[in-house]
Amino acid sequence: MIVGLGNPGDEYADTRHNTGFKVIDSLAETVGVKVKKRKFGARFEAGEFAGKKLILLKPWQYMNRSGQAVATAAGFYKINIRNLMVVTDDMDLEPGRIRLRYKGSAGGHNGLADIIQKLGMSEFARCRVGIGRSAEVDTVGYVLDKPQDDEKPLLTEAIERARNAVLCWIEYGIETAMNKFNSYSE
């Protein structure tokens, strides 16, 4: 199951905080599905890649309440926690960078914190997509704002790299994906 974090609603669609949703949309396009079904407090769809069945999931609550949808869907589909990947934005990575991990803390990310709390564990894979930060704008204002024109190509590239990293994880596992995608150049 691949979970992309974001906020529901048109007013958030193109914000930095919806990077996880954009990666899910890119994955859905690659595997030939549309993430439109409604269940679990989420939008989801099943697909297949490299001979493996997938669930693509976008929790449909605000970011800091993502955990219940993830826990409910994971329970319903009996997902082994090693087969869960969460994709989210990360202010501590510069725009264009991605970082994969097989476990870890929430790192100050409220969506990840809620998922960890609802699952009762943090041993699941995550793909963080760099959005950078601003010294002039507060955190909430920054993540809920749309990227500047000079950031857009970097974020588009990062979304593509994140999609490719998740596909690599599906096919070859987390170690291979981390070795290939955690460096700045592919």
Protein backbone atom coordinates (compact mmCIF):
# COMPACT_ATOMS: atom_id res chain seq x y z
CA MET A 1 0.00 0.00 0.00
CA ILE A 2 1.36 3.40 -1.00
CA VAL A 3 -0.08 6.36 0.89
CA GLY A 4 0.36 9.94 -0.30
CA LEU A 5 -0.27 12.69 2.23
CA GLY A 6 -2.02 15.95 1.46
CA ASN A 7 -5.08 17.99 2.29
CA PRO A 8 -8.45 17.48 0.57
CA GLY A 9 -10.15 20.25 -1.37
CA ASP A 10 -9.46 22.41 -4.38
CA GLU A 11 -7.96 25.22 -2.30
CA TYR A 12 -5.04 22.90 -1.35
CA ALA A 13 -4.62 21.09 -4.67
CA ASP A 14 -1.51 22.92 -5.88
CA THR A 15 0.13 23.65 -2.53
CA ARG A 16 3.50 22.37 -1.39
CA HIS A 17 1.79 20.29 1.32
CA ASN A 18 -0.02 18.19 -1.31
CA THR A 19 3.17 16.76 -2.79
CA GLY A 20 2.27 13.28 -1.50
CA PHE A 21 -1.05 13.41 -3.37
CA LYS A 22 0.81 14.41 -6.55
CA VAL A 23 3.12 11.42 -6.26
CA ILE A 24 0.09 9.12 -5.86
CA ASP A 25 -1.48 10.70 -8.96
CA SER A 26 1.74 10.10 -10.91
CA LEU A 27 1.87 6.47 -9.73
CA ALA A 28 -1.79 6.01 -10.66
CA GLU A 29 -1.12 7.30 -14.16
CA THR A 30 1.88 4.97 -14.50
CA VAL A 31 -0.08 1.86 -13.48
CA GLY A 32 -3.19 2.94 -15.42
CA VAL A 33 -5.72 3.61 -12.66
CA LYS A 34 -7.60 6.59 -11.21
CA VAL A 35 -7.65 7.13 -7.44
CA LYS A 36 -11.35 7.91 -7.03
CA LYS A 37 -12.98 5.17 -4.95
CA ARG A 38 -14.17 6.31 -1.51
CA LYS A 39 -13.69 4.21 1.58
CA PHE A 40 -11.68 4.29 4.82
CA GLY A 41 -11.95 8.11 4.95
CA ALA A 42 -9.77 8.16 1.84
CA ARG A 43 -9.65 8.09 -1.94
CA PHE A 44 -8.06 4.88 -3.18
CA GLU A 45 -7.67 2.44 -6.03
CA ALA A 46 -6.12 -0.97 -6.57
CA GLY A 47 -3.56 -1.56 -9.28
CA GLU A 48 -0.65 -3.75 -10.21
CA PHE A 49 3.03 -3.18 -10.92
CA ALA A 50 5.85 -5.69 -11.46
CA GLY A 51 3.42 -8.53 -10.78
CA LYS A 52 2.48 -7.13 -7.36
CA LYS A 53 -0.93 -5.88 -6.28
CA LEU A 54 -1.01 -2.29 -5.04
CA ILE A 55 -3.34 -0.07 -3.10
CA LEU A 56 -2.85 3.64 -3.81
CA LEU A 57 -4.36 5.72 -1.00
CA LYS A 58 -4.93 9.41 -0.34
CA PRO A 59 -6.34 10.03 3.17
CA TRP A 60 -9.23 12.47 2.72
CA GLN A 61 -8.92 14.34 6.02
CA TYR A 62 -6.55 17.13 6.86
CA MET A 63 -2.91 16.14 7.02
CA ASN A 64 -2.71 15.86 10.82
CA ARG A 65 -5.58 13.31 10.81
CA SER A 66 -4.21 10.97 8.13
CA GLY A 67 -3.50 8.09 10.49
CA GLN A 68 -6.99 6.66 10.89
CA ALA A 69 -7.51 6.21 7.15
CA VAL A 70 -4.11 4.52 6.84
CA ALA A 71 -4.70 2.22 9.83
CA THR A 72 -8.22 1.30 8.67
CA ALA A 73 -7.16 0.51 5.08
CA ALA A 74 -4.06 -1.40 6.25
CA GLY A 75 -6.23 -3.48 8.58
CA PHE A 76 -8.88 -4.12 5.93
CA TYR A 77 -6.33 -5.30 3.37
CA LYS A 78 -4.20 -7.07 6.02
CA ILE A 79 -1.14 -5.12 4.91
CA ASN A 80 2.15 -6.29 6.38
CA ILE A 81 3.77 -3.10 7.72
CA ARG A 82 6.86 -3.87 5.58
CA ASN A 83 4.59 -3.40 2.56
CA LEU A 84 3.53 0.14 3.51
CA MET A 85 5.13 3.24 1.98
CA VAL A 86 4.08 6.76 3.00
CA VAL A 87 4.96 9.67 0.67
CA THR A 88 5.02 13.16 2.12
CA ASP A 89 6.50 16.62 1.72
CA ASP A 90 9.57 17.58 3.77
CA MET A 91 10.65 21.12 4.61
CA ASP A 92 14.10 19.94 5.71
CA LEU A 93 15.00 18.80 2.20
CA GLU A 94 15.66 21.33 -0.50
CA PRO A 95 13.22 21.36 -3.43
CA GLY A 96 14.10 18.61 -5.90
CA ARG A 97 15.56 16.18 -3.36
CA ILE A 98 13.94 13.03 -2.09
CA ARG A 99 14.87 10.72 0.75
CA LEU A 100 13.71 7.17 1.42
CA ARG A 101 13.85 5.47 4.81
CA TYR A 102 12.60 2.11 6.01
CA LYS A 103 11.61 3.43 9.44
CA GLY A 104 12.07 6.46 11.65
CA SER A 105 10.45 9.26 13.56
CA ALA A 106 7.87 11.72 12.30
CA GLY A 107 10.59 14.35 12.01
CA GLY A 108 8.15 17.09 12.99
CA HIS A 109 5.64 16.11 10.28
CA ASN A 110 2.12 16.03 11.74
CA GLY A 111 0.77 13.62 9.12
CA LEU A 112 3.51 11.08 9.80
CA ALA A 113 3.09 11.58 13.55
CA ASP A 114 -0.61 10.73 13.32
CA ILE A 115 0.09 7.63 11.22
CA ILE A 116 2.74 6.45 13.70
CA GLN A 117 0.33 7.04 16.58
CA LYS A 118 -2.60 5.23 14.91
CA LEU A 119 -0.47 2.28 13.75
CA GLY A 120 1.37 2.11 17.07
CA MET A 121 4.70 1.76 15.27
CA SER A 122 7.11 3.63 13.05
CA GLU A 123 8.68 0.71 11.15
CA PHE A 124 7.21 1.50 7.75
CA ALA A 125 8.88 2.90 4.65
CA ARG A 126 8.59 6.54 3.81
CA CYS A 127 9.55 8.72 0.88
CA ARG A 128 10.07 12.35 1.77
CA VAL A 129 9.93 14.89 -1.04
CA GLY A 130 11.80 18.12 -0.45
CA ILE A 131 9.87 21.38 -0.57
CA GLY A 132 12.43 23.53 1.28
CA ARG A 133 11.51 26.27 3.72
CA SER A 134 11.32 30.04 3.89
CA ALA A 135 12.92 32.39 6.37
CA GLU A 136 10.27 35.03 5.56
CA VAL A 137 7.07 32.95 5.82
CA ASP A 138 5.85 30.91 8.80
CA THR A 139 5.71 27.14 8.43
CA VAL A 140 1.94 26.84 7.96
CA GLY A 141 1.82 29.69 5.47
CA TYR A 142 4.71 28.21 3.52
CA VAL A 143 3.43 24.63 3.20
CA LEU A 144 -0.10 25.79 2.35
CA ASP A 145 1.14 28.18 -0.32
CA LYS A 146 1.72 27.38 -3.98
CA PRO A 147 5.34 27.01 -5.10
CA GLN A 148 7.07 29.98 -6.70
CA ASP A 149 7.75 29.76 -10.44
CA ASP A 150 11.43 28.94 -9.90
CA GLU A 151 10.50 26.01 -7.60
CA LYS A 152 7.97 24.38 -9.93
CA PRO A 153 10.47 22.57 -12.21
CA LEU A 154 12.36 21.25 -9.17
CA LEU A 155 9.16 19.99 -7.52
CA THR A 156 7.94 18.41 -10.76
CA GLU A 157 11.27 16.60 -11.06
CA ALA A 158 11.11 15.53 -7.40
CA ILE A 159 7.60 14.13 -7.87
CA GLU A 160 8.83 12.09 -10.84
CA ARG A 161 11.87 10.88 -8.87
CA ALA A 162 9.63 9.95 -5.93
CA ARG A 163 7.31 8.02 -8.27
CA ASN A 164 10.31 6.18 -9.72
CA ALA A 165 11.70 5.53 -6.23
CA VAL A 166 8.39 4.02 -5.10
CA LEU A 167 8.25 1.84 -8.21
CA CYS A 168 11.83 0.71 -7.48
CA TRP A 169 10.81 -0.08 -3.87
CA ILE A 170 7.86 -2.16 -5.12
CA GLU A 171 10.01 -4.14 -7.53
CA TYR A 172 13.37 -4.43 -5.72
CA GLY A 173 12.86 -3.46 -2.07
CA ILE A 174 13.78 -0.57 0.19
CA GLU A 175 17.58 -1.08 0.28
CA THR A 176 17.90 -0.94 -3.50
CA ALA A 177 15.57 2.06 -3.71
CA MET A 178 17.50 3.90 -0.96
CA ASN A 179 20.85 3.20 -2.65
CA LYS A 180 19.60 4.42 -6.01
CA PHE A 181 17.50 7.44 -5.01
CA ASN A 182 18.92 8.92 -1.80
CA SER A 183 21.83 10.51 -3.64
CA TYR A 184 21.13 13.83 -5.32
CA SER A 185 21.57 12.53 -8.85
CA GLU A 186 19.86 9.39 -10.08
